[in-house]
Amino acid sequence: MRLGDTGTIQLLLPFDAVTQAQLRAVRPRGRWSSRLACWEFPLEAAAVLQRQFGQRFALEPPLPQWFAWLQQPPP
């Protein structure tokens, strides 16, 4: 997983029908980008993605820092 240029969370992974079905069930909903060949999710999906897929897929910097920031309570 990585942070995309437009502030989305991108998942680059080989095709696997089970994982694809799990990604389709994530809310807020992501979308498949054929141009980038990856799934893109809004930052609001960070907690769900980290919980469901954080152990399965490596996190590229700076995404781990963003995940930590998003877990902090608002000031």
Protein backbone atom coordinates (compact mmCIF):
# COMPACT_ATOMS: atom_id res chain seq x y z
CA MET A 1 0.00 0.00 0.00
CA ARG A 2 1.18 3.48 -0.71
CA LEU A 3 -0.02 7.07 -0.62
CA GLY A 4 -1.03 8.21 -4.10
CA ASP A 5 -0.19 11.55 -5.69
CA THR A 6 -3.78 12.72 -5.26
CA GLY A 7 -4.00 11.77 -1.57
CA THR A 8 -5.57 8.38 -2.10
CA ILE A 9 -4.43 5.06 -0.68
CA GLN A 10 -3.26 2.82 -3.50
CA LEU A 11 -3.03 -0.97 -3.39
CA LEU A 12 -0.88 -2.59 -6.05
CA LEU A 13 -1.31 -6.33 -5.99
CA PRO A 14 -1.55 -9.32 -8.28
CA PHE A 15 -5.03 -10.53 -9.17
CA ASP A 16 -6.65 -12.76 -6.58
CA ALA A 17 -10.43 -13.28 -6.70
CA VAL A 18 -10.79 -13.49 -2.91
CA THR A 19 -8.81 -10.30 -2.28
CA GLN A 20 -10.69 -8.48 -5.05
CA ALA A 21 -14.01 -9.41 -3.42
CA GLN A 22 -12.72 -8.20 -0.04
CA LEU A 23 -11.61 -4.89 -1.57
CA ARG A 24 -15.02 -4.40 -3.20
CA ALA A 25 -16.63 -4.75 0.26
CA VAL A 26 -14.53 -1.95 1.85
CA ARG A 27 -16.42 1.23 2.72
CA PRO A 28 -15.87 4.00 1.87
CA ARG A 29 -15.67 2.42 -1.54
CA GLY A 30 -12.52 2.33 -3.61
CA ARG A 31 -12.17 2.04 -7.34
CA TRP A 32 -9.95 0.15 -9.73
CA SER A 33 -7.69 2.45 -11.77
CA SER A 34 -6.77 0.70 -14.99
CA ARG A 35 -4.42 3.56 -15.86
CA LEU A 36 -2.38 3.01 -12.67
CA ALA A 37 -3.16 -0.73 -12.42
CA CYS A 38 -4.11 -0.44 -8.74
CA TRP A 39 -7.02 0.02 -6.37
CA GLU A 40 -7.50 3.56 -5.04
CA PHE A 41 -9.32 4.35 -1.80
CA PRO A 42 -10.02 7.67 -0.07
CA LEU A 43 -8.10 8.38 3.14
CA GLU A 44 -11.37 7.86 5.03
CA ALA A 45 -10.94 4.12 4.34
CA ALA A 46 -7.54 4.07 6.10
CA ALA A 47 -8.73 2.38 9.31
CA VAL A 48 -10.55 -0.40 7.45
CA LEU A 49 -7.66 -0.98 5.03
CA GLN A 50 -5.10 -1.05 7.82
CA ARG A 51 -7.19 -3.46 9.89
CA GLN A 52 -8.03 -5.83 7.03
CA PHE A 53 -4.91 -5.64 4.87
CA GLY A 54 -2.13 -3.99 6.90
CA GLN A 55 -0.49 -7.31 7.78
CA ARG A 56 -0.84 -8.75 4.27
CA PHE A 57 0.66 -5.90 2.25
CA ALA A 58 3.73 -3.78 2.91
CA LEU A 59 3.20 -0.10 3.69
CA GLU A 60 5.40 2.25 1.68
CA PRO A 61 6.50 5.50 3.34
CA PRO A 62 4.93 7.95 4.10
CA LEU A 63 1.72 5.89 4.46
CA PRO A 64 2.57 4.50 7.94
CA GLN A 65 2.95 8.08 9.21
CA TRP A 66 -0.40 9.06 7.69
CA PHE A 67 -2.05 6.06 9.35
CA ALA A 68 -0.60 7.18 12.70
CA TRP A 69 -1.84 10.76 12.18
CA LEU A 70 -5.33 9.58 11.25
CA GLN A 71 -5.58 7.61 14.52
CA GLN A 72 -4.95 10.74 16.62
CA PRO A 73 -8.01 12.48 18.07
CA PRO A 74 -8.79 15.90 16.59
CA PRO A 75 -7.51 18.89 18.58
